[in-house]
Every structure is written in C-alpha cells, then in structure tokens.
Amino acid sequence: MLKNFLNDEAGVIISAELVLVLTICVLGVIVGLSSVVVAVNEELLDTAHAIGVLNQSFGFTGFSGCKKGGSPISYTFGAVNTDGVDDCDCATSCDMIAGGSPNNSQGG
C-alpha cells in the first residue's frame, strides 16, 4: 500500500508549474509592497509639508509684580520671535531631498 501511494502521481503539480506560480506570486507581492512604500512616503511628505508651513511666531509683554516701597519686587521683560521663511517652507515636491535638480524645486 505504501509503495502504491509513493508511485501514485495523480494530482501532483509538476515542478515547472509550481515554479511559475510561485514566481508570479512573489512578483505580485513585490509590486504590492512597492506601492505601499510610495503611499507611505507621500503621506510622510504631506505631514512634513504641513509642519513646515506652521507659523511659529510669538510675542508677549512684560509685567511687574507688587511694588514694595516704590520699586517692583518682581518683573519680567517682554519677548518677540518672528518666524522667517526657511529654504523648504514653500517646497511642494521632494526634488531637493530625492536628488532631483534644484532648479525644478519650487522652494529651493
């Protein structure tokens, strides 16, 4: 019975067909993963652009605390910071990062 089972070839996939099917499957997985990589990179670029266009300017006035004998016992000065435009604040593409020509970049 075991000899008959080992010699039985009914329903066996020929190895050439198996190699072809596995090759097609591997190629499909590679294409799918490369699509995922492109989608993730685009989302990260969108996030970086959103962070880059934030205006980080701030300002506050000074104040003084209670006066004791005519002079304040505590005080602080005001401060101002104006956010200037950086090199990549207006960049809408990743040419500068990905090695493209700097003339094609809108922000560079």
N, C-alpha and C. Protein backbone atom coordinates (compact mmCIF):
# COMPACT_ATOMS: atom_id res chain seq x y z
N MET A 1 0.82 -1.19 0.00
CA MET A 1 0.00 0.00 0.00
C MET A 1 0.87 1.26 0.00
N LEU A 2 1.93 1.23 0.77
CA LEU A 2 2.83 2.39 0.80
C LEU A 2 3.53 2.57 -0.53
N LYS A 3 3.88 1.44 -1.17
CA LYS A 3 4.54 1.51 -2.46
C LYS A 3 3.61 2.11 -3.52
N ASN A 4 2.33 1.70 -3.48
CA ASN A 4 1.34 2.27 -4.40
C ASN A 4 1.16 3.77 -4.15
N PHE A 5 1.16 4.18 -2.90
CA PHE A 5 1.00 5.60 -2.55
C PHE A 5 2.17 6.44 -3.05
N LEU A 6 3.40 5.94 -2.90
CA LEU A 6 4.57 6.68 -3.33
C LEU A 6 4.68 6.76 -4.85
N ASN A 7 4.20 5.79 -5.56
CA ASN A 7 4.25 5.78 -7.02
C ASN A 7 3.07 6.48 -7.67
N ASP A 8 2.06 6.83 -6.89
CA ASP A 8 0.87 7.49 -7.44
C ASP A 8 1.20 8.95 -7.75
N GLU A 9 0.99 9.36 -9.00
CA GLU A 9 1.28 10.74 -9.41
C GLU A 9 0.02 11.50 -9.80
N ALA A 10 -1.11 10.99 -9.49
CA ALA A 10 -2.37 11.67 -9.83
C ALA A 10 -2.55 12.90 -8.94
N GLY A 11 -2.75 14.02 -9.56
CA GLY A 11 -2.98 15.26 -8.80
C GLY A 11 -1.73 15.98 -8.37
N VAL A 12 -0.57 15.52 -8.76
CA VAL A 12 0.67 16.16 -8.36
C VAL A 12 0.96 17.31 -9.32
N ILE A 13 1.31 18.48 -8.78
CA ILE A 13 1.68 19.63 -9.61
C ILE A 13 3.10 19.42 -10.10
N ILE A 14 3.29 19.58 -11.37
CA ILE A 14 4.63 19.44 -11.94
C ILE A 14 5.47 20.60 -11.43
N SER A 15 6.73 20.35 -11.17
CA SER A 15 7.58 21.36 -10.53
C SER A 15 7.72 22.62 -11.38
N ALA A 16 7.70 22.52 -12.69
CA ALA A 16 7.80 23.72 -13.54
C ALA A 16 6.58 24.61 -13.33
N GLU A 17 5.41 24.02 -13.23
CA GLU A 17 4.20 24.80 -12.97
C GLU A 17 4.27 25.45 -11.59
N LEU A 18 4.77 24.72 -10.63
CA LEU A 18 4.89 25.26 -9.27
C LEU A 18 5.86 26.44 -9.24
N VAL A 19 6.96 26.34 -9.94
CA VAL A 19 7.93 27.45 -10.01
C VAL A 19 7.29 28.67 -10.65
N LEU A 20 6.53 28.45 -11.73
CA LEU A 20 5.87 29.56 -12.41
C LEU A 20 4.85 30.25 -11.51
N VAL A 21 4.04 29.48 -10.82
CA VAL A 21 3.03 30.05 -9.93
C VAL A 21 3.70 30.82 -8.78
N LEU A 22 4.72 30.23 -8.19
CA LEU A 22 5.42 30.92 -7.09
C LEU A 22 6.11 32.19 -7.57
N THR A 23 6.67 32.18 -8.76
CA THR A 23 7.32 33.38 -9.31
C THR A 23 6.30 34.49 -9.50
N ILE A 24 5.14 34.16 -10.04
CA ILE A 24 4.09 35.17 -10.22
C ILE A 24 3.64 35.71 -8.87
N CYS A 25 3.50 34.86 -7.88
CA CYS A 25 3.09 35.31 -6.54
C CYS A 25 4.14 36.24 -5.93
N VAL A 26 5.40 35.90 -6.04
CA VAL A 26 6.47 36.74 -5.48
C VAL A 26 6.50 38.09 -6.18
N LEU A 27 6.37 38.10 -7.50
CA LEU A 27 6.34 39.38 -8.23
C LEU A 27 5.15 40.23 -7.80
N GLY A 28 4.01 39.61 -7.60
CA GLY A 28 2.84 40.35 -7.13
C GLY A 28 3.05 40.96 -5.75
N VAL A 29 3.69 40.22 -4.86
CA VAL A 29 3.99 40.74 -3.52
C VAL A 29 4.96 41.91 -3.59
N ILE A 30 5.97 41.82 -4.46
CA ILE A 30 6.95 42.90 -4.59
C ILE A 30 6.28 44.16 -5.11
N VAL A 31 5.43 44.03 -6.13
CA VAL A 31 4.73 45.19 -6.67
C VAL A 31 3.80 45.79 -5.61
N GLY A 32 3.12 44.95 -4.87
CA GLY A 32 2.24 45.45 -3.81
C GLY A 32 3.00 46.20 -2.74
N LEU A 33 4.14 45.66 -2.32
CA LEU A 33 4.93 46.33 -1.29
C LEU A 33 5.53 47.64 -1.78
N SER A 34 5.92 47.70 -3.05
CA SER A 34 6.45 48.96 -3.57
C SER A 34 5.35 50.01 -3.62
N SER A 35 4.12 49.62 -3.89
CA SER A 35 3.00 50.56 -3.85
C SER A 35 2.77 51.08 -2.43
N VAL A 36 2.92 50.21 -1.46
CA VAL A 36 2.78 50.63 -0.06
C VAL A 36 3.88 51.62 0.31
N VAL A 37 5.10 51.38 -0.14
CA VAL A 37 6.22 52.28 0.15
C VAL A 37 5.95 53.67 -0.43
N VAL A 38 5.47 53.72 -1.66
CA VAL A 38 5.17 55.01 -2.30
C VAL A 38 4.06 55.73 -1.54
N ALA A 39 3.03 55.02 -1.13
CA ALA A 39 1.93 55.64 -0.40
C ALA A 39 2.38 56.18 0.95
N VAL A 40 3.21 55.43 1.66
CA VAL A 40 3.71 55.89 2.96
C VAL A 40 4.60 57.11 2.79
N ASN A 41 5.46 57.11 1.75
CA ASN A 41 6.31 58.28 1.51
C ASN A 41 5.49 59.52 1.20
N GLU A 42 4.42 59.37 0.42
CA GLU A 42 3.58 60.52 0.10
C GLU A 42 2.90 61.06 1.35
N GLU A 43 2.44 60.19 2.23
CA GLU A 43 1.81 60.65 3.47
C GLU A 43 2.82 61.35 4.37
N LEU A 44 4.04 60.83 4.45
CA LEU A 44 5.07 61.49 5.26
C LEU A 44 5.45 62.84 4.68
N LEU A 45 5.48 62.96 3.36
CA LEU A 45 5.76 64.26 2.74
C LEU A 45 4.64 65.24 3.01
N ASP A 46 3.39 64.78 2.98
CA ASP A 46 2.26 65.66 3.32
C ASP A 46 2.36 66.14 4.76
N THR A 47 2.73 65.25 5.66
CA THR A 47 2.88 65.63 7.07
C THR A 47 4.02 66.62 7.26
N ALA A 48 5.14 66.38 6.58
CA ALA A 48 6.28 67.29 6.68
C ALA A 48 5.93 68.66 6.12
N HIS A 49 5.18 68.71 5.04
CA HIS A 49 4.77 69.99 4.47
C HIS A 49 3.84 70.74 5.43
N ALA A 50 2.93 70.01 6.05
CA ALA A 50 2.01 70.64 7.00
C ALA A 50 2.76 71.22 8.20
N ILE A 51 3.77 70.52 8.68
CA ILE A 51 4.56 71.03 9.80
C ILE A 51 5.41 72.21 9.36
N GLY A 52 5.92 72.14 8.12
CA GLY A 52 6.79 73.20 7.62
C GLY A 52 6.10 74.54 7.44
N VAL A 53 4.81 74.54 7.17
CA VAL A 53 4.12 75.80 6.93
C VAL A 53 3.52 76.40 8.20
N LEU A 54 3.75 75.77 9.34
CA LEU A 54 3.27 76.34 10.59
C LEU A 54 4.03 77.62 10.90
N ASN A 55 3.33 78.65 11.34
CA ASN A 55 3.96 79.89 11.73
C ASN A 55 4.27 79.80 13.22
N GLN A 56 5.54 79.90 13.57
CA GLN A 56 5.96 79.73 14.95
C GLN A 56 6.29 81.06 15.62
N SER A 57 5.74 82.14 15.09
CA SER A 57 5.98 83.45 15.70
C SER A 57 5.21 83.55 17.02
N PHE A 58 5.79 84.30 17.96
CA PHE A 58 5.10 84.53 19.22
C PHE A 58 5.57 85.85 19.79
N GLY A 59 4.83 86.34 20.75
CA GLY A 59 5.21 87.56 21.45
C GLY A 59 4.41 87.68 22.74
N PHE A 60 5.02 88.28 23.74
CA PHE A 60 4.30 88.55 24.98
C PHE A 60 4.89 89.80 25.62
N THR A 61 4.08 90.48 26.37
CA THR A 61 4.51 91.73 27.00
C THR A 61 5.08 91.43 28.38
N GLY A 62 5.87 92.35 28.85
CA GLY A 62 6.43 92.20 30.19
C GLY A 62 5.42 92.64 31.25
N PHE A 63 5.68 92.31 32.47
CA PHE A 63 4.83 92.73 33.57
C PHE A 63 5.67 92.85 34.83
N SER A 64 5.14 93.52 35.78
CA SER A 64 5.83 93.64 37.06
C SER A 64 4.89 93.24 38.19
N GLY A 65 5.48 92.75 39.24
CA GLY A 65 4.69 92.30 40.38
C GLY A 65 4.36 93.45 41.31
N CYS A 66 4.00 93.13 42.52
CA CYS A 66 3.62 94.13 43.51
C CYS A 66 4.81 95.04 43.82
N LYS A 67 4.49 96.29 44.09
CA LYS A 67 5.53 97.25 44.42
C LYS A 67 5.68 97.32 45.94
N LYS A 68 6.92 97.33 46.37
CA LYS A 68 7.20 97.43 47.79
C LYS A 68 8.14 98.62 47.96
N GLY A 69 7.66 99.65 48.55
CA GLY A 69 8.47 100.84 48.74
C GLY A 69 8.74 101.60 47.45
N GLY A 70 7.85 101.50 46.46
CA GLY A 70 8.01 102.24 45.21
C GLY A 70 8.70 101.48 44.11
N SER A 71 9.38 100.39 44.39
CA SER A 71 10.04 99.62 43.32
C SER A 71 9.41 98.22 43.25
N PRO A 72 9.30 97.67 42.06
CA PRO A 72 8.69 96.34 41.94
C PRO A 72 9.59 95.25 42.54
N ILE A 73 8.97 94.26 43.14
CA ILE A 73 9.75 93.17 43.72
C ILE A 73 9.98 92.04 42.72
N SER A 74 9.18 92.00 41.65
CA SER A 74 9.41 91.00 40.60
C SER A 74 8.94 91.59 39.27
N TYR A 75 9.64 91.25 38.24
CA TYR A 75 9.26 91.74 36.92
C TYR A 75 9.85 90.82 35.85
N THR A 76 9.30 90.95 34.68
CA THR A 76 9.83 90.22 33.53
C THR A 76 9.71 91.10 32.30
N PHE A 77 10.63 90.92 31.39
CA PHE A 77 10.60 91.68 30.16
C PHE A 77 9.77 90.95 29.12
N GLY A 78 9.28 91.64 28.15
CA GLY A 78 8.55 91.03 27.05
C GLY A 78 9.52 90.40 26.06
N ALA A 79 9.00 89.62 25.17
CA ALA A 79 9.83 88.98 24.15
C ALA A 79 9.01 88.82 22.88
N VAL A 80 9.72 88.83 21.76
CA VAL A 80 9.08 88.64 20.46
C VAL A 80 9.99 87.75 19.61
N ASN A 81 9.39 86.81 18.92
CA ASN A 81 10.11 85.99 17.95
C ASN A 81 9.29 85.97 16.67
N THR A 82 9.89 86.37 15.57
CA THR A 82 9.21 86.35 14.28
C THR A 82 9.79 85.23 13.44
N ASP A 83 8.92 84.34 13.01
CA ASP A 83 9.34 83.19 12.22
C ASP A 83 9.58 83.63 10.78
N GLY A 84 10.82 83.52 10.33
CA GLY A 84 11.15 83.88 8.95
C GLY A 84 10.96 82.70 8.02
N VAL A 85 10.99 82.97 6.74
CA VAL A 85 10.82 81.92 5.74
C VAL A 85 12.13 81.14 5.60
N ASP A 86 12.05 79.83 5.73
CA ASP A 86 13.21 78.97 5.56
C ASP A 86 13.29 78.47 4.12
N ASP A 87 14.34 77.70 3.83
CA ASP A 87 14.55 77.23 2.46
C ASP A 87 13.40 76.36 1.96
N CYS A 88 12.91 75.46 2.78
CA CYS A 88 11.94 74.47 2.30
C CYS A 88 10.51 74.75 2.75
N ASP A 89 10.22 75.95 3.24
CA ASP A 89 8.86 76.22 3.72
C ASP A 89 7.83 76.17 2.60
N CYS A 90 8.20 76.54 1.40
CA CYS A 90 7.24 76.58 0.29
C CYS A 90 7.42 75.42 -0.67
N ALA A 91 8.25 74.47 -0.34
CA ALA A 91 8.51 73.35 -1.24
C ALA A 91 7.28 72.46 -1.32
N THR A 92 6.86 72.18 -2.54
CA THR A 92 5.71 71.29 -2.73
C THR A 92 6.12 69.94 -3.29
N SER A 93 7.40 69.75 -3.53
CA SER A 93 7.86 68.46 -4.03
C SER A 93 9.10 68.05 -3.24
N CYS A 94 9.51 66.81 -3.43
CA CYS A 94 10.67 66.31 -2.70
C CYS A 94 11.89 66.25 -3.60
N ASP A 95 11.96 67.10 -4.63
CA ASP A 95 13.09 67.07 -5.55
C ASP A 95 14.41 67.32 -4.84
N MET A 96 14.40 68.25 -3.90
CA MET A 96 15.64 68.57 -3.21
C MET A 96 16.11 67.40 -2.36
N ILE A 97 15.17 66.66 -1.78
CA ILE A 97 15.52 65.55 -0.91
C ILE A 97 15.86 64.32 -1.74
N ALA A 98 15.13 64.07 -2.81
CA ALA A 98 15.29 62.84 -3.57
C ALA A 98 16.39 62.92 -4.61
N GLY A 99 17.12 64.01 -4.67
CA GLY A 99 18.24 64.09 -5.59
C GLY A 99 17.89 64.66 -6.95
N GLY A 100 16.73 65.28 -7.08
CA GLY A 100 16.36 65.90 -8.35
C GLY A 100 17.13 67.21 -8.54
N SER A 101 16.91 67.82 -9.66
CA SER A 101 17.58 69.08 -9.97
C SER A 101 17.03 70.19 -9.08
N PRO A 102 17.87 71.01 -8.43
CA PRO A 102 17.36 72.06 -7.57
C PRO A 102 16.61 73.14 -8.33
N ASN A 103 16.79 73.25 -9.64
CA ASN A 103 16.07 74.24 -10.42
C ASN A 103 14.60 73.89 -10.56
N ASN A 104 14.25 72.61 -10.43
CA ASN A 104 12.86 72.19 -10.58
C ASN A 104 12.08 72.35 -9.29
N SER A 105 12.73 72.53 -8.17
CA SER A 105 12.06 72.65 -6.88
C SER A 105 11.49 74.04 -6.73
N GLN A 106 10.26 74.13 -6.22
CA GLN A 106 9.63 75.42 -6.06
C GLN A 106 10.09 76.12 -4.80
N GLY A 107 10.65 75.40 -3.86
CA GLY A 107 11.02 76.02 -2.59
C GLY A 107 12.51 76.23 -2.45
N GLY A 108 13.32 75.67 -3.29
CA GLY A 108 14.73 75.65 -3.07
C GLY A 108 15.54 76.70 -3.69
